[in-house]
C-alpha atoms as a PDB file:
ATOM      1  CA  UNK A   1       4.663 -10.397  98.786  1.00  0.00           C
ATOM      2  CA  UNK A   2       3.200  -7.376  97.629  1.00  0.00           C
ATOM      3  CA  UNK A   3       5.938  -7.035  95.125  1.00  0.00           C
ATOM      4  CA  UNK A   4       5.595 -10.629  93.743  1.00  0.00           C
ATOM      5  CA  UNK A   5       1.979 -10.193  93.734  1.00  0.00           C
ATOM      6  CA  UNK A   6       2.187  -6.952  91.475  1.00  0.00           C
ATOM      7  CA  UNK A   7       4.614  -8.658  89.160  1.00  0.00           C
ATOM      8  CA  UNK A   8       2.208 -11.734  88.618  1.00  0.00           C
ATOM      9  CA  UNK A   9      -0.843  -9.270  88.147  1.00  0.00           C
ATOM     10  CA  UNK A  10       1.248  -7.422  85.276  1.00  0.00           C
ATOM     11  CA  UNK A  11       2.305 -10.661  83.714  1.00  0.00           C
ATOM     12  CA  UNK A  12      -1.208 -11.808  83.711  1.00  0.00           C
ATOM     13  CA  UNK A  13      -2.477  -8.271  82.252  1.00  0.00           C
ATOM     14  CA  UNK A  14       0.028  -8.728  79.470  1.00  0.00           C
ATOM     15  CA  UNK A  15      -1.134 -12.209  78.409  1.00  0.00           C
ATOM     16  CA  UNK A  16      -4.633 -10.735  77.866  1.00  0.00           C
ATOM     17  CA  UNK A  17      -3.582  -7.317  76.612  1.00  0.00           C
ATOM     18  CA  UNK A  18      -0.919  -7.986  73.854  1.00  0.00           C
ATOM     19  CA  UNK A  19      -3.274 -10.545  71.958  1.00  0.00           C
ATOM     20  CA  UNK A  20      -5.891  -8.042  71.931  1.00  0.00           C
ATOM     21  CA  UNK A  21      -3.710  -5.201  70.632  1.00  0.00           C
ATOM     22  CA  UNK A  22      -2.263  -7.645  67.870  1.00  0.00           C
ATOM     23  CA  UNK A  23      -5.828  -8.378  66.763  1.00  0.00           C
ATOM     24  CA  UNK A  24      -6.440  -4.783  66.603  1.00  0.00           C
ATOM     25  CA  UNK A  25      -3.559  -4.021  64.521  1.00  0.00           C
ATOM     26  CA  UNK A  26      -4.589  -6.731  61.966  1.00  0.00           C
ATOM     27  CA  UNK A  27      -8.158  -5.254  61.715  1.00  0.00           C
ATOM     28  CA  UNK A  28      -6.851  -1.946  60.797  1.00  0.00           C
ATOM     29  CA  UNK A  29      -4.653  -3.390  58.162  1.00  0.00           C
ATOM     30  CA  UNK A  30      -7.718  -4.930  56.416  1.00  0.00           C
ATOM     31  CA  UNK A  31      -9.695  -1.874  56.903  1.00  0.00           C
ATOM     32  CA  UNK A  32      -7.212   0.473  55.638  1.00  0.00           C
ATOM     33  CA  UNK A  33      -6.007  -1.852  52.980  1.00  0.00           C
ATOM     34  CA  UNK A  34      -7.022  -0.514  49.182  1.00  0.00           C
ATOM     35  CA  UNK A  35      -9.222  -2.866  47.450  1.00  0.00           C
ATOM     36  CA  UNK A  36      -7.625  -4.832  44.514  1.00  0.00           C
ATOM     37  CA  UNK A  37      -8.559  -3.977  41.059  1.00  0.00           C
ATOM     38  CA  UNK A  38      -8.036  -7.052  38.745  1.00  0.00           C
ATOM     39  CA  UNK A  39      -8.176  -4.916  35.625  1.00  0.00           C
ATOM     40  CA  UNK A  40      -5.451  -2.380  36.931  1.00  0.00           C
ATOM     41  CA  UNK A  41      -3.201  -5.413  38.368  1.00  0.00           C
ATOM     42  CA  UNK A  42      -1.649  -6.098  34.948  1.00  0.00           C
ATOM     43  CA  UNK A  43      -0.329  -3.012  33.105  1.00  0.00           C
ATOM     44  CA  UNK A  44      -0.347  -4.716  30.046  1.00  0.00           C
ATOM     45  CA  UNK A  45      -3.828  -5.993  29.745  1.00  0.00           C
ATOM     46  CA  UNK A  46      -4.973  -3.528  26.937  1.00  0.00           C
ATOM     47  CA  UNK A  47      -2.350  -5.056  24.347  1.00  0.00           C
ATOM     48  CA  UNK A  48      -3.845  -5.720  20.934  1.00  0.00           C
ATOM     49  CA  UNK A  49      -2.870  -9.388  20.307  1.00  0.00           C
ATOM     50  CA  UNK A  50      -4.491  -9.320  17.049  1.00  0.00           C
ATOM     51  CA  UNK A  51      -2.850  -6.301  15.850  1.00  0.00           C
ATOM     52  CA  UNK A  52       0.510  -7.796  16.733  1.00  0.00           C
ATOM     53  CA  UNK A  53      -0.279 -11.103  14.816  1.00  0.00           C
ATOM     54  CA  UNK A  54      -1.221  -9.019  11.866  1.00  0.00           C
ATOM     55  CA  UNK A  55       1.966  -6.791  11.764  1.00  0.00           C
ATOM     56  CA  UNK A  56       4.218  -9.679  11.889  1.00  0.00           C
ATOM     57  CA  UNK A  57       6.147 -10.209   8.999  1.00  0.00           C
ATOM     58  CA  UNK A  58       9.419 -10.574   7.383  1.00  0.00           C
ATOM     59  CA  UNK A  59      12.281  -7.982   6.242  1.00  0.00           C
ATOM     60  CA  UNK A  60      13.923  -8.314   2.681  1.00  0.00           C
ATOM     61  CA  UNK A  61      12.313 -11.816   1.629  1.00  0.00           C
ATOM     62  CA  UNK A  62      13.226 -13.234  -1.702  1.00  0.00           C
ATOM     63  CA  UNK A  63      10.816 -15.682  -3.631  1.00  0.00           C
ATOM     64  CA  UNK A  64      12.136 -17.377  -6.655  1.00  0.00           C
ATOM     65  CA  UNK A  65      11.791 -20.262  -9.299  1.00  0.00           C
ATOM     66  CA  UNK A  66      12.186 -21.438 -12.812  1.00  0.00           C
ATOM     67  CA  UNK A  67       9.159 -22.336 -15.210  1.00  0.00           C
ATOM     68  CA  UNK A  68       9.070 -25.386 -17.237  1.00  0.00           C
ATOM     69  CA  UNK A  69      10.527 -23.307 -20.314  1.00  0.00           C
ATOM     70  CA  UNK A  70      13.533 -22.145 -18.339  1.00  0.00           C
ATOM     71  CA  UNK A  71      12.448 -18.741 -17.388  1.00  0.00           C
ATOM     72  CA  UNK A  72      13.936 -17.540 -14.027  1.00  0.00           C
ATOM     73  CA  UNK A  73      11.333 -15.524 -11.986  1.00  0.00           C
ATOM     74  CA  UNK A  74      12.576 -13.741  -8.615  1.00  0.00           C
ATOM     75  CA  UNK A  75      10.386 -11.420  -6.384  1.00  0.00           C
ATOM     76  CA  UNK A  76      11.778  -9.428  -3.549  1.00  0.00           C
ATOM     77  CA  UNK A  77      10.466  -6.878  -0.920  1.00  0.00           C
ATOM     78  CA  UNK A  78      11.841  -4.358   1.471  1.00  0.00           C
ATOM     79  CA  UNK A  79       9.241  -6.169   4.033  1.00  0.00           C
ATOM     80  CA  UNK A  80       5.911  -8.359   3.846  1.00  0.00           C
ATOM     81  CA  UNK A  81       3.634  -9.273   6.269  1.00  0.00           C
ATOM     82  CA  UNK A  82       0.538 -11.318   6.321  1.00  0.00           C
ATOM     83  CA  UNK A  83      -2.624 -10.058   4.508  1.00  0.00           C
ATOM     84  CA  UNK A  84      -5.942  -9.081   6.698  1.00  0.00           C
ATOM     85  CA  UNK A  85      -8.376 -11.169   4.562  1.00  0.00           C
ATOM     86  CA  UNK A  86      -6.720 -14.091   3.131  1.00  0.00           C
ATOM     87  CA  UNK A  87      -3.994 -16.473   4.934  1.00  0.00           C
ATOM     88  CA  UNK A  88      -2.448 -17.002   1.415  1.00  0.00           C
ATOM     89  CA  UNK A  89      -1.978 -13.241   0.737  1.00  0.00           C
ATOM     90  CA  UNK A  90       1.135 -10.983   1.861  1.00  0.00           C
ATOM     91  CA  UNK A  91       0.895  -7.448   1.461  1.00  0.00           C
ATOM     92  CA  UNK A  92       4.495  -5.866   0.907  1.00  0.00           C
ATOM     93  CA  UNK A  93       6.485  -2.662   0.461  1.00  0.00           C
ATOM     94  CA  UNK A  94       9.053  -1.705  -2.100  1.00  0.00           C
ATOM     95  CA  UNK A  95       8.198  -4.738  -4.281  1.00  0.00           C
ATOM     96  CA  UNK A  96      10.580  -5.747  -7.411  1.00  0.00           C
ATOM     97  CA  UNK A  97       9.991  -8.659 -10.004  1.00  0.00           C
ATOM     98  CA  UNK A  98      12.548  -9.963 -12.322  1.00  0.00           C
ATOM     99  CA  UNK A  99      12.125 -12.147 -15.196  1.00  0.00           C
ATOM    100  CA  UNK A 100      15.325 -13.693 -16.875  1.00  0.00           C
ATOM    101  CA  UNK A 101      14.136 -15.125 -20.329  1.00  0.00           C
ATOM    102  CA  UNK A 102      16.747 -17.136 -21.868  1.00  0.00           C
ATOM    103  CA  UNK A 103      18.556 -15.744 -24.840  1.00  0.00           C
ATOM    104  CA  UNK A 104      16.047 -12.790 -24.856  1.00  0.00           C
ATOM    105  CA  UNK A 105      16.985 -10.737 -22.014  1.00  0.00           C
ATOM    106  CA  UNK A 106      15.655  -9.290 -18.864  1.00  0.00           C
ATOM    107  CA  UNK A 107      12.643  -7.871 -17.511  1.00  0.00           C
ATOM    108  CA  UNK A 108      12.552  -5.801 -14.060  1.00  0.00           C
ATOM    109  CA  UNK A 109       9.310  -4.229 -12.637  1.00  0.00           C
ATOM    110  CA  UNK A 110       9.363  -2.322  -9.212  1.00  0.00           C
ATOM    111  CA  UNK A 111       6.916  -0.748  -7.164  1.00  0.00           C
ATOM    112  CA  UNK A 112       6.316   1.042  -4.000  1.00  0.00           C
ATOM    113  CA  UNK A 113       3.716  -1.414  -2.771  1.00  0.00           C
ATOM    114  CA  UNK A 114       2.254  -4.633  -3.725  1.00  0.00           C
ATOM    115  CA  UNK A 115       0.692  -8.117  -2.601  1.00  0.00           C
ATOM    116  CA  UNK A 116       1.581 -11.703  -3.289  1.00  0.00           C
ATOM    117  CA  UNK A 117      -1.140 -14.370  -3.249  1.00  0.00           C
ATOM    118  CA  UNK A 118       0.729 -17.733  -2.891  1.00  0.00           C
ATOM    119  CA  UNK A 119      -2.134 -19.705  -3.814  1.00  0.00           C
ATOM    120  CA  UNK A 120      -2.976 -18.348  -7.095  1.00  0.00           C
ATOM    121  CA  UNK A 121       0.712 -17.455  -7.839  1.00  0.00           C
ATOM    122  CA  UNK A 122       0.230 -13.940  -8.784  1.00  0.00           C
ATOM    123  CA  UNK A 123       2.150 -10.926  -7.504  1.00  0.00           C
ATOM    124  CA  UNK A 124       0.418  -7.436  -7.941  1.00  0.00           C
ATOM    125  CA  UNK A 125       2.827  -4.600  -7.890  1.00  0.00           C
ATOM    126  CA  UNK A 126       0.997  -1.307  -7.351  1.00  0.00           C
ATOM    127  CA  UNK A 127       1.217   2.479  -6.288  1.00  0.00           C
ATOM    128  CA  UNK A 128       2.903   3.648  -9.547  1.00  0.00           C
ATOM    129  CA  UNK A 129       5.073   0.684 -11.035  1.00  0.00           C
ATOM    130  CA  UNK A 130       7.259   0.843 -13.921  1.00  0.00           C
ATOM    131  CA  UNK A 131       8.616  -2.259 -16.025  1.00  0.00           C
ATOM    132  CA  UNK A 132      12.219  -1.790 -17.787  1.00  0.00           C
ATOM    133  CA  UNK A 133      13.415  -4.557 -20.267  1.00  0.00           C
ATOM    134  CA  UNK A 134      17.229  -5.056 -21.461  1.00  0.00           C
ATOM    135  CA  UNK A 135      15.884  -4.478 -25.164  1.00  0.00           C
ATOM    136  CA  UNK A 136      15.644  -0.730 -24.182  1.00  0.00           C
ATOM    137  CA  UNK A 137      11.758  -0.309 -23.493  1.00  0.00           C
ATOM    138  CA  UNK A 138      10.192   1.189 -20.291  1.00  0.00           C
ATOM    139  CA  UNK A 139       6.790   1.013 -19.449  1.00  0.00           C
ATOM    140  CA  UNK A 140       4.813   2.790 -16.564  1.00  0.00           C
ATOM    141  CA  UNK A 141       1.437   1.997 -15.029  1.00  0.00           C
ATOM    142  CA  UNK A 142      -0.437   2.247 -11.782  1.00  0.00           C
ATOM    143  CA  UNK A 143      -0.306  -1.696 -11.504  1.00  0.00           C
ATOM    144  CA  UNK A 144       1.322  -4.609 -13.028  1.00  0.00           C
ATOM    145  CA  UNK A 145       0.364  -8.126 -12.300  1.00  0.00           C
ATOM    146  CA  UNK A 146       2.888 -10.782 -12.450  1.00  0.00           C
ATOM    147  CA  UNK A 147       2.322 -14.683 -12.535  1.00  0.00           C
ATOM    148  CA  UNK A 148       5.582 -16.184 -11.136  1.00  0.00           C
ATOM    149  CA  UNK A 149       4.468 -19.482 -12.229  1.00  0.00           C
ATOM    150  CA  UNK A 150       3.533 -18.748 -15.819  1.00  0.00           C
ATOM    151  CA  UNK A 151       6.287 -15.890 -16.119  1.00  0.00           C
ATOM    152  CA  UNK A 152       3.627 -13.484 -17.648  1.00  0.00           C
ATOM    153  CA  UNK A 153       2.941 -10.023 -17.126  1.00  0.00           C
ATOM    154  CA  UNK A 154      -0.381  -7.665 -17.492  1.00  0.00           C
ATOM    155  CA  UNK A 155      -1.447  -4.370 -16.959  1.00  0.00           C
ATOM    156  CA  UNK A 156      -5.247  -3.647 -17.028  1.00  0.00           C
ATOM    157  CA  UNK A 157      -4.921   0.130 -16.581  1.00  0.00           C
ATOM    158  CA  UNK A 158      -3.449   2.768 -18.952  1.00  0.00           C
ATOM    159  CA  UNK A 159       0.361   2.367 -19.827  1.00  0.00           C
ATOM    160  CA  UNK A 160       2.878   4.757 -21.256  1.00  0.00           C
ATOM    161  CA  UNK A 161       5.865   3.073 -22.828  1.00  0.00           C
ATOM    162  CA  UNK A 162       9.101   4.558 -24.278  1.00  0.00           C
ATOM    163  CA  UNK A 163      11.745   2.793 -26.385  1.00  0.00           C
ATOM    164  CA  UNK A 164      13.596   2.540 -29.590  1.00  0.00           C
ATOM    165  CA  UNK A 165      10.466   3.035 -31.733  1.00  0.00           C
ATOM    166  CA  UNK A 166       9.179   5.997 -29.831  1.00  0.00           C
ATOM    167  CA  UNK A 167       6.529   6.428 -27.313  1.00  0.00           C
ATOM    168  CA  UNK A 168       2.973   5.239 -27.021  1.00  0.00           C
ATOM    169  CA  UNK A 169      -0.008   5.055 -24.800  1.00  0.00           C
ATOM    170  CA  UNK A 170      -2.386   2.224 -24.332  1.00  0.00           C
ATOM    171  CA  UNK A 171      -5.323   1.304 -22.259  1.00  0.00           C
ATOM    172  CA  UNK A 172      -3.384  -2.009 -21.033  1.00  0.00           C
ATOM    173  CA  UNK A 173      -0.600  -4.554 -22.145  1.00  0.00           C
ATOM    174  CA  UNK A 174       0.406  -8.145 -21.732  1.00  0.00           C
ATOM    175  CA  UNK A 175       3.855 -10.080 -21.841  1.00  0.00           C
ATOM    176  CA  UNK A 176       2.930 -13.401 -23.156  1.00  0.00           C
ATOM    177  CA  UNK A 177       4.229 -16.455 -24.901  1.00  0.00           C
ATOM    178  CA  UNK A 178       3.908 -16.525 -28.597  1.00  0.00           C
ATOM    179  CA  UNK A 179       1.474 -19.296 -29.636  1.00  0.00           C
ATOM    180  CA  UNK A 180       3.125 -22.581 -30.115  1.00  0.00           C
ATOM    181  CA  UNK A 181       6.580 -21.260 -29.504  1.00  0.00           C
ATOM    182  CA  UNK A 182       7.422 -21.388 -25.645  1.00  0.00           C
ATOM    183  CA  UNK A 183      10.710 -19.776 -26.230  1.00  0.00           C
ATOM    184  CA  UNK A 184       9.559 -16.456 -27.658  1.00  0.00           C
ATOM    185  CA  UNK A 185       7.555 -13.844 -25.854  1.00  0.00           C
ATOM    186  CA  UNK A 186       5.600 -10.948 -26.968  1.00  0.00           C
ATOM    187  CA  UNK A 187       4.760  -7.433 -25.710  1.00  0.00           C
ATOM    188  CA  UNK A 188       1.238  -6.862 -26.634  1.00  0.00           C
ATOM    189  CA  UNK A 189      -0.246  -3.397 -26.093  1.00  0.00           C
ATOM    190  CA  UNK A 190      -4.272  -3.121 -26.532  1.00  0.00           C
ATOM    191  CA  UNK A 191      -7.209  -1.421 -25.571  1.00  0.00           C
ATOM    192  CA  UNK A 192      -6.839   1.929 -27.946  1.00  0.00           C
ATOM    193  CA  UNK A 193      -3.012   2.132 -28.749  1.00  0.00           C
ATOM    194  CA  UNK A 194      -1.445   5.779 -29.476  1.00  0.00           C
ATOM    195  CA  UNK A 195       2.045   5.466 -30.959  1.00  0.00           C
ATOM    196  CA  UNK A 196       4.461   8.584 -31.558  1.00  0.00           C
ATOM    197  CA  UNK A 197       6.852   7.377 -33.984  1.00  0.00           C
ATOM    198  CA  UNK A 198      10.230   8.800 -33.466  1.00  0.00           C
ATOM    199  CA  UNK A 199      12.988   7.746 -36.165  1.00  0.00           C
ATOM    200  CA  UNK A 200      16.632   7.568 -35.270  1.00  0.00           C
ATOM    201  CA  UNK A 201      18.770   9.967 -36.581  1.00  0.00           C
END
């Protein structure tokens, strides 16, 4: 009887002691566990979303079209991305513009930097640009502005040019249609032109 009584007492004691031990273990887990930091829970919380959106762009895009008088205009770049100020503006690296004038030859403009305004139809090639024509002329300027809708080119800064007639320096230039003749284009230098004539041998 003593043995059975001892067994009963042990079972009764275990029924009380084991739940208490379990409660003690759970309480220590709550006290020892680190408090969670919501800011540290996501390691990517400091990603600059605006910068990512701003730097999205395209690699090696090409824009092209034909004017009403048949001039083919093409723009290309190594890469372009949205402008910071205006949705209609793109900034790019290594830009090139090509104008193919029917029966008048080709003009190519290249620059290391530039921007394209899709609203106004203007492409500004800057950072030290040069223009070459199939007639043998080469022009250099800090910046050329190309209207790819009207097929015109202008430079509002100093231009250095060389060609069959010699070399010249001018304060600006324009490539524009001859008045009342949509098929003929004129290269007009302005704002103080200094020409050095070099006769051909």
